[in-house]
Amino acid sequence: PPGVPVPGDVLAGKYRIERVLGAGGMGLVLAAWHIVLERRVAVKF
């Protein structure tokens, strides 16, 4: 949805958005890469 980062965007200067993992009635979960720690994380909006 508008206002939510899309793949390739960097969130908070440290999380590179990779793809959508899933969506429900209230939220959306994205896979992201923590640039500094070099590990995958999930970001919920």
Full PDB file with SEQRES, HELIX, SHEET, SSBOND, CRYST1, ORIGX, SCALE, CONECT and MASTER records, all heavy atoms in Angstrom:
SEQRES   1 A   45  PRO PRO GLY VAL PRO VAL PRO GLY ASP VAL LEU ALA GLY          
SEQRES   2 A   45  LYS TYR ARG ILE GLU ARG VAL LEU GLY ALA GLY GLY MET          
SEQRES   3 A   45  GLY LEU VAL LEU ALA ALA TRP HIS ILE VAL LEU GLU ARG          
SEQRES   4 A   45  ARG VAL ALA VAL LYS PHE                                      
SHEET    1 AA1 4 VAL A  10  LEU A  11  0                                        
SHEET    2 AA1 4 TYR A  15  ALA A  23 -1                                        
SHEET    3 AA1 4 LEU A  28  HIS A  34 -1                                        
SHEET    4 AA1 4 ARG A  39  LYS A  44 -1                                        
CRYST1    1.000    1.000    1.000  90.00  90.00  90.00 P 1           1          
ORIGX1      1.000000  0.000000  0.000000        0.00000                         
ORIGX2      0.000000  1.000000  0.000000        0.00000                         
ORIGX3      0.000000  0.000000  1.000000        0.00000                         
SCALE1      1.000000  0.000000  0.000000        0.00000                         
SCALE2      0.000000  1.000000  0.000000        0.00000                         
SCALE3      0.000000  0.000000  1.000000        0.00000                         
ATOM      1  N   PRO A   1       0.819  -1.207   0.000  1.00  0.00           N  
ATOM      2  CA  PRO A   1       0.000   0.000   0.000  1.00  0.00           C  
ATOM      3  C   PRO A   1       0.858   1.264   0.000  1.00  0.00           C  
ATOM      4  O   PRO A   1       2.035   1.236   0.386  1.00  0.00           O  
ATOM      5  CB  PRO A   1      -0.809  -0.110   1.294  1.00  0.00           C  
ATOM      6  CG  PRO A   1      -0.047  -1.030   2.164  1.00  0.00           C  
ATOM      7  CD  PRO A   1       0.734  -1.944   1.264  1.00  0.00           C  
ATOM      8  N   PRO A   2       0.283   2.379  -0.420  1.00  0.00           N  
ATOM      9  CA  PRO A   2       1.021   3.651  -0.387  1.00  0.00           C  
ATOM     10  C   PRO A   2       1.508   3.967   1.026  1.00  0.00           C  
ATOM     11  O   PRO A   2       0.847   3.658   2.007  1.00  0.00           O  
ATOM     12  CB  PRO A   2      -0.024   4.684  -0.825  1.00  0.00           C  
ATOM     13  CG  PRO A   2      -1.095   3.909  -1.503  1.00  0.00           C  
ATOM     14  CD  PRO A   2      -1.074   2.532  -0.903  1.00  0.00           C  
ATOM     15  N   GLY A   3       2.707   4.548   1.105  1.00  0.00           N  
ATOM     16  CA  GLY A   3       3.263   4.932   2.400  1.00  0.00           C  
ATOM     17  C   GLY A   3       4.093   3.856   3.059  1.00  0.00           C  
ATOM     18  O   GLY A   3       4.702   4.087   4.095  1.00  0.00           O  
ATOM     19  N   VAL A   4       4.107   2.649   2.475  1.00  0.00           N  
ATOM     20  CA  VAL A   4       4.889   1.533   3.014  1.00  0.00           C  
ATOM     21  C   VAL A   4       6.060   1.298   2.054  1.00  0.00           C  
ATOM     22  O   VAL A   4       5.886   1.327   0.843  1.00  0.00           O  
ATOM     23  CB  VAL A   4       4.016   0.261   3.145  1.00  0.00           C  
ATOM     24  CG1 VAL A   4       4.848  -0.941   3.556  1.00  0.00           C  
ATOM     25  CG2 VAL A   4       2.905   0.498   4.155  1.00  0.00           C  
ATOM     26  N   PRO A   5       7.267   1.063   2.569  1.00  0.00           N  
ATOM     27  CA  PRO A   5       8.416   0.837   1.692  1.00  0.00           C  
ATOM     28  C   PRO A   5       8.202  -0.340   0.748  1.00  0.00           C  
ATOM     29  O   PRO A   5       7.531  -1.312   1.091  1.00  0.00           O  
ATOM     30  CB  PRO A   5       9.569   0.541   2.658  1.00  0.00           C  
ATOM     31  CG  PRO A   5       9.137   1.102   3.960  1.00  0.00           C  
ATOM     32  CD  PRO A   5       7.637   0.998   3.987  1.00  0.00           C  
ATOM     33  N   VAL A   6       8.791  -0.237  -0.423  1.00  0.00           N  
ATOM     34  CA  VAL A   6       8.704  -1.290  -1.438  1.00  0.00           C  
ATOM     35  C   VAL A   6      10.084  -1.942  -1.581  1.00  0.00           C  
ATOM     36  O   VAL A   6      11.090  -1.388  -1.119  1.00  0.00           O  
ATOM     37  CB  VAL A   6       8.218  -0.728  -2.789  1.00  0.00           C  
ATOM     38  CG1 VAL A   6       6.801  -0.184  -2.668  1.00  0.00           C  
ATOM     39  CG2 VAL A   6       9.160   0.343  -3.300  1.00  0.00           C  
ATOM     40  N   PRO A   7      10.149  -3.125  -2.211  1.00  0.00           N  
ATOM     41  CA  PRO A   7      11.442  -3.769  -2.394  1.00  0.00           C  
ATOM     42  C   PRO A   7      12.492  -2.819  -2.984  1.00  0.00           C  
ATOM     43  O   PRO A   7      12.220  -2.083  -3.926  1.00  0.00           O  
ATOM     44  CB  PRO A   7      11.122  -4.928  -3.337  1.00  0.00           C  
ATOM     45  CG  PRO A   7       9.714  -5.294  -2.963  1.00  0.00           C  
ATOM     46  CD  PRO A   7       9.047  -3.964  -2.708  1.00  0.00           C  
ATOM     47  N   GLY A   8      13.668  -2.840  -2.348  1.00  0.00           N  
ATOM     48  CA  GLY A   8      14.761  -1.962  -2.749  1.00  0.00           C  
ATOM     49  C   GLY A   8      14.895  -0.740  -1.856  1.00  0.00           C  
ATOM     50  O   GLY A   8      15.980  -0.174  -1.735  1.00  0.00           O  
ATOM     51  N   ASP A   9      13.801  -0.312  -1.211  1.00  0.00           N  
ATOM     52  CA  ASP A   9      13.863   0.827  -0.289  1.00  0.00           C  
ATOM     53  C   ASP A   9      14.660   0.437   0.955  1.00  0.00           C  
ATOM     54  O   ASP A   9      14.680  -0.732   1.350  1.00  0.00           O  
ATOM     55  CB  ASP A   9      12.462   1.257   0.162  1.00  0.00           C  
ATOM     56  CG  ASP A   9      11.673   1.981  -0.912  1.00  0.00           C  
ATOM     57  OD1 ASP A   9      12.242   2.297  -1.973  1.00  0.00           O  
ATOM     58  OD2 ASP A   9      10.471   2.222  -0.682  1.00  0.00           O  
ATOM     59  N   VAL A  10      15.287   1.434   1.588  1.00  0.00           N  
ATOM     60  CA  VAL A  10      15.998   1.218   2.843  1.00  0.00           C  
ATOM     61  C   VAL A  10      15.226   1.933   3.947  1.00  0.00           C  
ATOM     62  O   VAL A  10      15.012   3.141   3.883  1.00  0.00           O  
ATOM     63  CB  VAL A  10      17.460   1.711   2.766  1.00  0.00           C  
ATOM     64  CG1 VAL A  10      18.143   1.564   4.122  1.00  0.00           C  
ATOM     65  CG2 VAL A  10      18.220   0.939   1.698  1.00  0.00           C  
ATOM     66  N   LEU A  11      14.805   1.183   4.932  1.00  0.00           N  
ATOM     67  CA  LEU A  11      14.011   1.673   6.050  1.00  0.00           C  
ATOM     68  C   LEU A  11      14.937   2.012   7.208  1.00  0.00           C  
ATOM     69  O   LEU A  11      15.803   1.200   7.563  1.00  0.00           O  
ATOM     70  CB  LEU A  11      13.011   0.577   6.453  1.00  0.00           C  
ATOM     71  CG  LEU A  11      12.201   0.760   7.719  1.00  0.00           C  
ATOM     72  CD1 LEU A  11      11.226   1.907   7.556  1.00  0.00           C  
ATOM     73  CD2 LEU A  11      11.438  -0.514   8.028  1.00  0.00           C  
ATOM     74  N   ALA A  12      14.772   3.182   7.783  1.00  0.00           N  
ATOM     75  CA  ALA A  12      15.532   3.623   8.964  1.00  0.00           C  
ATOM     76  C   ALA A  12      17.042   3.554   8.751  1.00  0.00           C  
ATOM     77  O   ALA A  12      17.800   3.392   9.694  1.00  0.00           O  
ATOM     78  CB  ALA A  12      15.123   2.818  10.197  1.00  0.00           C  
ATOM     79  N   GLY A  13      17.470   3.633   7.515  1.00  0.00           N  
ATOM     80  CA  GLY A  13      18.894   3.630   7.214  1.00  0.00           C  
ATOM     81  C   GLY A  13      19.598   2.304   7.414  1.00  0.00           C  
ATOM     82  O   GLY A  13      20.812   2.216   7.291  1.00  0.00           O  
ATOM     83  N   LYS A  14      18.827   1.235   7.720  1.00  0.00           N  
ATOM     84  CA  LYS A  14      19.497  -0.040   8.001  1.00  0.00           C  
ATOM     85  C   LYS A  14      18.778  -1.293   7.541  1.00  0.00           C  
ATOM     86  O   LYS A  14      19.361  -2.369   7.550  1.00  0.00           O  
ATOM     87  CB  LYS A  14      19.823  -0.158   9.488  1.00  0.00           C  
ATOM     88  CG  LYS A  14      18.654  -0.002  10.412  1.00  0.00           C  
ATOM     89  CD  LYS A  14      19.106   0.029  11.868  1.00  0.00           C  
ATOM     90  CE  LYS A  14      17.979   0.481  12.770  1.00  0.00           C  
ATOM     91  NZ  LYS A  14      18.410   0.632  14.146  1.00  0.00           N  
ATOM     92  N   TYR A  15      17.507  -1.201   7.133  1.00  0.00           N  
ATOM     93  CA  TYR A  15      16.764  -2.386   6.706  1.00  0.00           C  
ATOM     94  C   TYR A  15      16.410  -2.250   5.225  1.00  0.00           C  
ATOM     95  O   TYR A  15      15.578  -1.434   4.853  1.00  0.00           O  
ATOM     96  CB  TYR A  15      15.467  -2.549   7.511  1.00  0.00           C  
ATOM     97  CG  TYR A  15      15.663  -2.557   9.001  1.00  0.00           C  
ATOM     98  CD1 TYR A  15      15.249  -1.477   9.780  1.00  0.00           C  
ATOM     99  CD2 TYR A  15      16.253  -3.642   9.637  1.00  0.00           C  
ATOM    100  CE1 TYR A  15      15.421  -1.483  11.151  1.00  0.00           C  
ATOM    101  CE2 TYR A  15      16.422  -3.651  11.013  1.00  0.00           C  
ATOM    102  CZ  TYR A  15      16.005  -2.564  11.769  1.00  0.00           C  
ATOM    103  OH  TYR A  15      16.176  -2.573  13.128  1.00  0.00           O  
ATOM    104  N   ARG A  16      17.030  -3.057   4.353  1.00  0.00           N  
ATOM    105  CA  ARG A  16      16.717  -3.021   2.924  1.00  0.00           C  
ATOM    106  C   ARG A  16      15.551  -3.974   2.665  1.00  0.00           C  
ATOM    107  O   ARG A  16      15.646  -5.179   2.910  1.00  0.00           O  
ATOM    108  CB  ARG A  16      17.906  -3.430   2.062  1.00  0.00           C  
ATOM    109  CG  ARG A  16      17.574  -3.368   0.556  1.00  0.00           C  
ATOM    110  CD  ARG A  16      18.752  -3.632  -0.356  1.00  0.00           C  
ATOM    111  NE  ARG A  16      19.733  -2.564  -0.219  1.00  0.00           N  
ATOM    112  CZ  ARG A  16      20.954  -2.727   0.302  1.00  0.00           C  
ATOM    113  NH1 ARG A  16      21.349  -3.903   0.735  1.00  0.00           N  
ATOM    114  NH2 ARG A  16      21.788  -1.714   0.377  1.00  0.00           N  
ATOM    115  N   ILE A  17      14.443  -3.436   2.185  1.00  0.00           N  
ATOM    116  CA  ILE A  17      13.245  -4.225   1.935  1.00  0.00           C  
ATOM    117  C   ILE A  17      13.488  -5.159   0.753  1.00  0.00           C  
ATOM    118  O   ILE A  17      13.985  -4.739  -0.287  1.00  0.00           O  
ATOM    119  CB  ILE A  17      12.026  -3.307   1.663  1.00  0.00           C  
ATOM    120  CG1 ILE A  17      11.806  -2.333   2.832  1.00  0.00           C  
ATOM    121  CG2 ILE A  17      10.778  -4.130   1.375  1.00  0.00           C  
ATOM    122  CD1 ILE A  17      11.556  -2.989   4.174  1.00  0.00           C  
ATOM    123  N   GLU A  18      13.116  -6.442   0.932  1.00  0.00           N  
ATOM    124  CA  GLU A  18      13.332  -7.450  -0.113  1.00  0.00           C  
ATOM    125  C   GLU A  18      12.048  -7.867  -0.818  1.00  0.00           C  
ATOM    126  O   GLU A  18      11.988  -7.894  -2.034  1.00  0.00           O  
ATOM    127  CB  GLU A  18      13.986  -8.699   0.489  1.00  0.00           C  
ATOM    128  CG  GLU A  18      15.377  -8.451   1.025  1.00  0.00           C  
ATOM    129  CD  GLU A  18      16.007  -9.698   1.605  1.00  0.00           C  
ATOM    130  OE1 GLU A  18      15.289 -10.566   2.157  1.00  0.00           O  
ATOM    131  OE2 GLU A  18      17.237  -9.814   1.493  1.00  0.00           O  
ATOM    132  N   ARG A  19      11.027  -8.245  -0.037  1.00  0.00           N  
ATOM    133  CA  ARG A  19       9.792  -8.735  -0.651  1.00  0.00           C  
ATOM    134  C   ARG A  19       8.674  -8.794   0.393  1.00  0.00           C  
ATOM    135  O   ARG A  19       8.931  -8.720   1.591  1.00  0.00           O  
ATOM    136  CB  ARG A  19      10.004 -10.111  -1.261  1.00  0.00           C  
ATOM    137  CG  ARG A  19      10.208 -11.218  -0.263  1.00  0.00           C  
ATOM    138  CD  ARG A  19      10.531 -12.552  -0.949  1.00  0.00           C  
ATOM    139  NE  ARG A  19      10.545 -13.661  -0.030  1.00  0.00           N  
ATOM    140  CZ  ARG A  19      11.479 -13.924   0.864  1.00  0.00           C  
ATOM    141  NH1 ARG A  19      12.502 -13.116   1.001  1.00  0.00           N  
ATOM    142  NH2 ARG A  19      11.401 -14.967   1.652  1.00  0.00           N  
ATOM    143  N   VAL A  20       7.468  -8.982  -0.093  1.00  0.00           N  
ATOM    144  CA  VAL A  20       6.312  -9.159   0.777  1.00  0.00           C  
ATOM    145  C   VAL A  20       6.264 -10.616   1.209  1.00  0.00           C  
ATOM    146  O   VAL A  20       6.357 -11.521   0.375  1.00  0.00           O  
ATOM    147  CB  VAL A  20       5.004  -8.779   0.052  1.00  0.00           C  
ATOM    148  CG1 VAL A  20       3.794  -9.070   0.921  1.00  0.00           C  
ATOM    149  CG2 VAL A  20       5.019  -7.310  -0.366  1.00  0.00           C  
ATOM    150  N   LEU A  21       6.144 -10.844   2.516  1.00  0.00           N  
ATOM    151  CA  LEU A  21       6.006 -12.206   3.036  1.00  0.00           C  
ATOM    152  C   LEU A  21       4.537 -12.597   3.145  1.00  0.00           C  
ATOM    153  O   LEU A  21       4.179 -13.744   2.923  1.00  0.00           O  
ATOM    154  CB  LEU A  21       6.667 -12.336   4.405  1.00  0.00           C  
ATOM    155  CG  LEU A  21       8.188 -12.248   4.431  1.00  0.00           C  
ATOM    156  CD1 LEU A  21       8.696 -12.236   5.864  1.00  0.00           C  
ATOM    157  CD2 LEU A  21       8.791 -13.409   3.663  1.00  0.00           C  
ATOM    158  N   GLY A  22       3.698 -11.641   3.539  1.00  0.00           N  
ATOM    159  CA  GLY A  22       2.283 -11.940   3.699  1.00  0.00           C  
ATOM    160  C   GLY A  22       1.510 -10.730   4.143  1.00  0.00           C  
ATOM    161  O   GLY A  22       2.076  -9.715   4.548  1.00  0.00           O  
ATOM    162  N   ALA A  23       0.195 -10.855   4.044  1.00  0.00           N  
ATOM    163  CA  ALA A  23      -0.695  -9.772   4.461  1.00  0.00           C  
ATOM    164  C   ALA A  23      -1.927 -10.377   5.096  1.00  0.00           C  
ATOM    165  O   ALA A  23      -2.334 -11.489   4.760  1.00  0.00           O  
ATOM    166  CB  ALA A  23      -1.082  -8.909   3.268  1.00  0.00           C  
ATOM    167  N   GLY A  24      -2.483  -9.639   6.040  1.00  0.00           N  
ATOM    168  CA  GLY A  24      -3.706 -10.065   6.704  1.00  0.00           C  
ATOM    169  C   GLY A  24      -4.691  -8.914   6.720  1.00  0.00           C  
ATOM    170  O   GLY A  24      -4.515  -7.926   6.020  1.00  0.00           O  
ATOM    171  N   GLY A  25      -5.695  -9.027   7.543  1.00  0.00           N  
ATOM    172  CA  GLY A  25      -6.717  -8.000   7.617  1.00  0.00           C  
ATOM    173  C   GLY A  25      -6.219  -6.687   8.181  1.00  0.00           C  
ATOM    174  O   GLY A  25      -6.756  -5.623   7.859  1.00  0.00           O  
ATOM    175  N   MET A  26      -5.181  -6.727   9.019  1.00  0.00           N  
ATOM    176  CA  MET A  26      -4.697  -5.519   9.685  1.00  0.00           C  
ATOM    177  C   MET A  26      -3.282  -5.119   9.294  1.00  0.00           C  
ATOM    178  O   MET A  26      -2.904  -3.971   9.475  1.00  0.00           O  
ATOM    179  CB  MET A  26      -4.729  -5.720  11.207  1.00  0.00           C  
ATOM    180  CG  MET A  26      -6.083  -5.998  11.791  1.00  0.00           C  
ATOM    181  SD  MET A  26      -7.103  -4.547  11.901  1.00  0.00           S  
ATOM    182  CE  MET A  26      -6.326  -3.680  13.232  1.00  0.00           C  
ATOM    183  N   GLY A  27      -2.487  -6.073   8.796  1.00  0.00           N  
ATOM    184  CA  GLY A  27      -1.088  -5.746   8.583  1.00  0.00           C  
ATOM    185  C   GLY A  27      -0.462  -6.408   7.380  1.00  0.00           C  
ATOM    186  O   GLY A  27      -1.061  -7.247   6.710  1.00  0.00           O  
ATOM    187  N   LEU A  28       0.755  -6.004   7.134  1.00  0.00           N  
ATOM    188  CA  LEU A  28       1.568  -6.489   6.033  1.00  0.00           C  
ATOM    189  C   LEU A  28       2.948  -6.802   6.593  1.00  0.00           C  
ATOM    190  O   LEU A  28       3.487  -6.021   7.384  1.00  0.00           O  
ATOM    191  CB  LEU A  28       1.671  -5.384   4.973  1.00  0.00           C  
ATOM    192  CG  LEU A  28       2.535  -5.630   3.758  1.00  0.00           C  
ATOM    193  CD1 LEU A  28       1.830  -6.609   2.822  1.00  0.00           C  
ATOM    194  CD2 LEU A  28       2.784  -4.322   3.036  1.00  0.00           C  
ATOM    195  N   VAL A  29       3.530  -7.946   6.219  1.00  0.00           N  
ATOM    196  CA  VAL A  29       4.851  -8.325   6.702  1.00  0.00           C  
ATOM    197  C   VAL A  29       5.795  -8.426   5.508  1.00  0.00           C  
ATOM    198  O   VAL A  29       5.487  -9.085   4.511  1.00  0.00           O  
ATOM    199  CB  VAL A  29       4.823  -9.655   7.479  1.00  0.00           C  
ATOM    200  CG1 VAL A  29       6.219 -10.026   7.969  1.00  0.00           C  
ATOM    201  CG2 VAL A  29       3.861  -9.566   8.659  1.00  0.00           C  
ATOM    202  N   LEU A  30       6.934  -7.747   5.630  1.00  0.00           N  
ATOM    203  CA  LEU A  30       7.935  -7.712   4.580  1.00  0.00           C  
ATOM    204  C   LEU A  30       9.216  -8.380   5.052  1.00  0.00           C  
ATOM    205  O   LEU A  30       9.573  -8.282   6.225  1.00  0.00           O  
ATOM    206  CB  LEU A  30       8.260  -6.256   4.211  1.00  0.00           C  
ATOM    207  CG  LEU A  30       7.087  -5.345   3.862  1.00  0.00           C  
ATOM    208  CD1 LEU A  30       7.559  -3.907   3.753  1.00  0.00           C  
ATOM    209  CD2 LEU A  30       6.440  -5.796   2.583  1.00  0.00           C  
ATOM    210  N   ALA A  31       9.915  -9.044   4.136  1.00  0.00           N  
ATOM    211  CA  ALA A  31      11.251  -9.545   4.426  1.00  0.00           C  
ATOM    212  C   ALA A  31      12.217  -8.404   4.139  1.00  0.00           C  
ATOM    213  O   ALA A  31      12.034  -7.657   3.170  1.00  0.00           O  
ATOM    214  CB  ALA A  31      11.583 -10.748   3.545  1.00  0.00           C  
ATOM    215  N   ALA A  32      13.215  -8.246   4.984  1.00  0.00           N  
ATOM    216  CA  ALA A  32      14.210  -7.192   4.791  1.00  0.00           C  
ATOM    217  C   ALA A  32      15.575  -7.718   5.205  1.00  0.00           C  
ATOM    218  O   ALA A  32      15.682  -8.723   5.913  1.00  0.00           O  
ATOM    219  CB  ALA A  32      13.844  -5.952   5.609  1.00  0.00           C  
ATOM    220  N   TRP A  33      16.611  -7.025   4.771  1.00  0.00           N  
ATOM    221  CA  TRP A  33      17.987  -7.372   5.104  1.00  0.00           C  
ATOM    222  C   TRP A  33      18.551  -6.282   5.996  1.00  0.00           C  
ATOM    223  O   TRP A  33      18.520  -5.108   5.625  1.00  0.00           O  
ATOM    224  CB  TRP A  33      18.818  -7.496   3.827  1.00  0.00           C  
ATOM    225  CG  TRP A  33      20.213  -7.959   4.072  1.00  0.00           C  
ATOM    226  CD1 TRP A  33      21.335  -7.192   4.028  1.00  0.00           C  
ATOM    227  CD2 TRP A  33      20.643  -9.276   4.398  1.00  0.00           C  
ATOM    228  NE1 TRP A  33      22.444  -7.954   4.321  1.00  0.00           N  
ATOM    229  CE2 TRP A  33      22.042  -9.250   4.553  1.00  0.00           C  
ATOM    230  CE3 TRP A  33      19.971 -10.486   4.599  1.00  0.00           C  
ATOM    231  CZ2 TRP A  33      22.782 -10.376   4.872  1.00  0.00           C  
ATOM    232  CZ3 TRP A  33      20.715 -11.606   4.923  1.00  0.00           C  
ATOM    233  CH2 TRP A  33      22.100 -11.540   5.051  1.00  0.00           C  
ATOM    234  N   HIS A  34      19.019  -6.659   7.195  1.00  0.00           N  
ATOM    235  CA  HIS A  34      19.658  -5.697   8.090  1.00  0.00           C  
ATOM    236  C   HIS A  34      21.055  -5.452   7.526  1.00  0.00           C  
ATOM    237  O   HIS A  34      21.912  -6.337   7.550  1.00  0.00           O  
ATOM    238  CB  HIS A  34      19.730  -6.245   9.513  1.00  0.00           C  
ATOM    239  CG  HIS A  34      20.080  -5.220  10.542  1.00  0.00           C  
ATOM    240  ND1 HIS A  34      21.249  -4.487  10.501  1.00  0.00           N  
ATOM    241  CD2 HIS A  34      19.407  -4.789  11.632  1.00  0.00           C  
ATOM    242  CE1 HIS A  34      21.292  -3.663  11.524  1.00  0.00           C  
ATOM    243  NE2 HIS A  34      20.182  -3.830  12.234  1.00  0.00           N  
ATOM    244  N   ILE A  35      21.281  -4.268   6.993  1.00  0.00           N  
ATOM    245  CA  ILE A  35      22.511  -3.948   6.282  1.00  0.00           C  
ATOM    246  C   ILE A  35      23.734  -4.034   7.188  1.00  0.00           C  
ATOM    247  O   ILE A  35      24.779  -4.551   6.796  1.00  0.00           O  
ATOM    248  CB  ILE A  35      22.402  -2.553   5.641  1.00  0.00           C  
ATOM    249  CG1 ILE A  35      21.281  -2.552   4.598  1.00  0.00           C  
ATOM    250  CG2 ILE A  35      23.719  -2.118   5.023  1.00  0.00           C  
ATOM    251  CD1 ILE A  35      20.864  -1.164   4.134  1.00  0.00           C  
ATOM    252  N   VAL A  36      23.632  -3.556   8.407  1.00  0.00           N  
ATOM    253  CA  VAL A  36      24.771  -3.526   9.322  1.00  0.00           C  
ATOM    254  C   VAL A  36      25.073  -4.913   9.884  1.00  0.00           C  
ATOM    255  O   VAL A  36      26.216  -5.357   9.893  1.00  0.00           O  
ATOM    256  CB  VAL A  36      24.528  -2.518  10.469  1.00  0.00           C  
ATOM    257  CG1 VAL A  36      25.678  -2.538  11.458  1.00  0.00           C  
ATOM    258  CG2 VAL A  36      24.312  -1.114   9.919  1.00  0.00           C  
ATOM    259  N   LEU A  37      24.057  -5.608  10.351  1.00  0.00           N  
ATOM    260  CA  LEU A  37      24.260  -6.918  10.982  1.00  0.00           C  
ATOM    261  C   LEU A  37      24.291  -8.067   9.984  1.00  0.00           C  
ATOM    262  O   LEU A  37      24.584  -9.200  10.365  1.00  0.00           O  
ATOM    263  CB  LEU A  37      23.167  -7.171  12.025  1.00  0.00           C  
ATOM    264  CG  LEU A  37      23.122  -6.186  13.188  1.00  0.00           C  
ATOM    265  CD1 LEU A  37      21.976  -6.537  14.128  1.00  0.00           C  
ATOM    266  CD2 LEU A  37      24.445  -6.146  13.928  1.00  0.00           C  
ATOM    267  N   GLU A  38      23.959  -7.779   8.730  1.00  0.00           N  
ATOM    268  CA  GLU A  38      23.961  -8.777   7.661  1.00  0.00           C  
ATOM    269  C   GLU A  38      23.131 -10.002   8.031  1.00  0.00           C  
ATOM    270  O   GLU A  38      23.611 -11.133   8.050  1.00  0.00           O  
ATOM    271  CB  GLU A  38      25.393  -9.164   7.278  1.00  0.00           C  
ATOM    272  CG  GLU A  38      26.188  -8.002   6.735  1.00  0.00           C  
ATOM    273  CD  GLU A  38      27.594  -8.367   6.310  1.00  0.00           C  
ATOM    274  OE1 GLU A  38      28.094  -9.462   6.661  1.00  0.00           O  
ATOM    275  OE2 GLU A  38      28.203  -7.551   5.604  1.00  0.00           O  
ATOM    276  N   ARG A  39      21.859  -9.748   8.313  1.00  0.00           N  
ATOM    277  CA  ARG A  39      20.931 -10.840   8.601  1.00  0.00           C  
ATOM    278  C   ARG A  39      19.534 -10.442   8.156  1.00  0.00           C  
ATOM    279  O   ARG A  39      19.202  -9.266   8.087  1.00  0.00           O  
ATOM    280  CB  ARG A  39      20.947 -11.207  10.081  1.00  0.00           C  
ATOM    281  CG  ARG A  39      20.444 -10.102  10.996  1.00  0.00           C  
ATOM    282  CD  ARG A  39      20.520 -10.460  12.441  1.00  0.00           C  
ATOM    283  NE  ARG A  39      19.409 -11.323  12.796  1.00  0.00           N  
ATOM    284  CZ  ARG A  39      19.097 -11.655  14.029  1.00  0.00           C  
ATOM    285  NH1 ARG A  39      19.826 -11.234  15.031  1.00  0.00           N  
ATOM    286  NH2 ARG A  39      18.081 -12.418  14.282  1.00  0.00           N  
ATOM    287  N   ARG A  40      18.742 -11.436   7.837  1.00  0.00           N  
ATOM    288  CA  ARG A  40      17.368 -11.206   7.390  1.00  0.00           C  
ATOM    289  C   ARG A  40      16.478 -10.937   8.602  1.00  0.00           C  
ATOM    290  O   ARG A  40      16.646 -11.544   9.660  1.00  0.00           O  
ATOM    291  CB  ARG A  40      16.878 -12.425   6.608  1.00  0.00           C  
ATOM    292  CG  ARG A  40      15.514 -12.222   5.993  1.00  0.00           C  
ATOM    293  CD  ARG A  40      15.264 -13.104   4.797  1.00  0.00           C  
ATOM    294  NE  ARG A  40      16.072 -12.612   3.671  1.00  0.00           N  
ATOM    295  CZ  ARG A  40      17.096 -13.261   3.116  1.00  0.00           C  
ATOM    296  NH1 ARG A  40      17.453 -14.429   3.554  1.00  0.00           N  
ATOM    297  NH2 ARG A  40      17.759 -12.739   2.115  1.00  0.00           N  
ATOM    298  N   VAL A  41      15.537 -10.028   8.421  1.00  0.00           N  
ATOM    299  CA  VAL A  41      14.550  -9.704   9.442  1.00  0.00           C  
ATOM    300  C   VAL A  41      13.176  -9.639   8.774  1.00  0.00           C  
ATOM    301  O   VAL A  41      13.078  -9.601   7.552  1.00  0.00           O  
ATOM    302  CB  VAL A  41      14.852  -8.356  10.149  1.00  0.00           C  
ATOM    303  CG1 VAL A  41      16.156  -8.418  10.931  1.00  0.00           C  
ATOM    304  CG2 VAL A  41      14.867  -7.200   9.163  1.00  0.00           C  
ATOM    305  N   ALA A  42      12.144  -9.619   9.580  1.00  0.00           N  
ATOM    306  CA  ALA A  42      10.777  -9.412   9.110  1.00  0.00           C  
ATOM    307  C   ALA A  42      10.316  -8.057   9.634  1.00  0.00           C  
ATOM    308  O   ALA A  42      10.598  -7.712  10.784  1.00  0.00           O  
ATOM    309  CB  ALA A  42       9.865 -10.518   9.610  1.00  0.00           C  
ATOM    310  N   VAL A  43       9.646  -7.296   8.789  1.00  0.00           N  
ATOM    311  CA  VAL A  43       9.163  -5.971   9.186  1.00  0.00           C  
ATOM    312  C   VAL A  43       7.647  -5.949   9.018  1.00  0.00           C  
ATOM    313  O   VAL A  43       7.136  -6.197   7.926  1.00  0.00           O  
ATOM    314  CB  VAL A  43       9.800  -4.847   8.342  1.00  0.00           C  
ATOM    315  CG1 VAL A  43       9.337  -3.484   8.842  1.00  0.00           C  
ATOM    316  CG2 VAL A  43      11.323  -4.941   8.363  1.00  0.00           C  
ATOM    317  N   LYS A  44       6.955  -5.671  10.107  1.00  0.00           N  
ATOM    318  CA  LYS A  44       5.492  -5.650  10.099  1.00  0.00           C  
ATOM    319  C   LYS A  44       4.998  -4.206  10.095  1.00  0.00           C  
ATOM    320  O   LYS A  44       5.477  -3.375  10.862  1.00  0.00           O  
ATOM    321  CB  LYS A  44       4.955  -6.381  11.333  1.00  0.00           C  
ATOM    322  CG  LYS A  44       3.450  -6.451  11.399  1.00  0.00           C  
ATOM    323  CD  LYS A  44       3.013  -7.259  12.604  1.00  0.00           C  
ATOM    324  CE  LYS A  44       1.510  -7.351  12.688  1.00  0.00           C  
ATOM    325  NZ  LYS A  44       1.086  -8.148  13.846  1.00  0.00           N  
ATOM    326  N   PHE A  45       4.040  -3.929   9.219  1.00  0.00           N  
ATOM    327  CA  PHE A  45       3.388  -2.621   9.128  1.00  0.00           C  
ATOM    328  C   PHE A  45       1.895  -2.788   9.304  1.00  0.00           C  
ATOM    329  O   PHE A  45       1.329  -3.796   8.874  1.00  0.00           O  
ATOM    330  CB  PHE A  45       3.602  -2.000   7.740  1.00  0.00           C  
ATOM    331  CG  PHE A  45       4.952  -1.413   7.521  1.00  0.00           C  
ATOM    332  CD1 PHE A  45       5.963  -2.176   6.987  1.00  0.00           C  
ATOM    333  CD2 PHE A  45       5.203  -0.094   7.833  1.00  0.00           C  
ATOM    334  CE1 PHE A  45       7.223  -1.638   6.784  1.00  0.00           C  
ATOM    335  CE2 PHE A  45       6.452   0.455   7.629  1.00  0.00           C  
ATOM    336  CZ  PHE A  45       7.464  -0.323   7.108  1.00  0.00           C  
TER     337      PHE A  45                                                      
MASTER        0    0    0    0    4    0    0    6  336    1    0    4          
END                                                                             
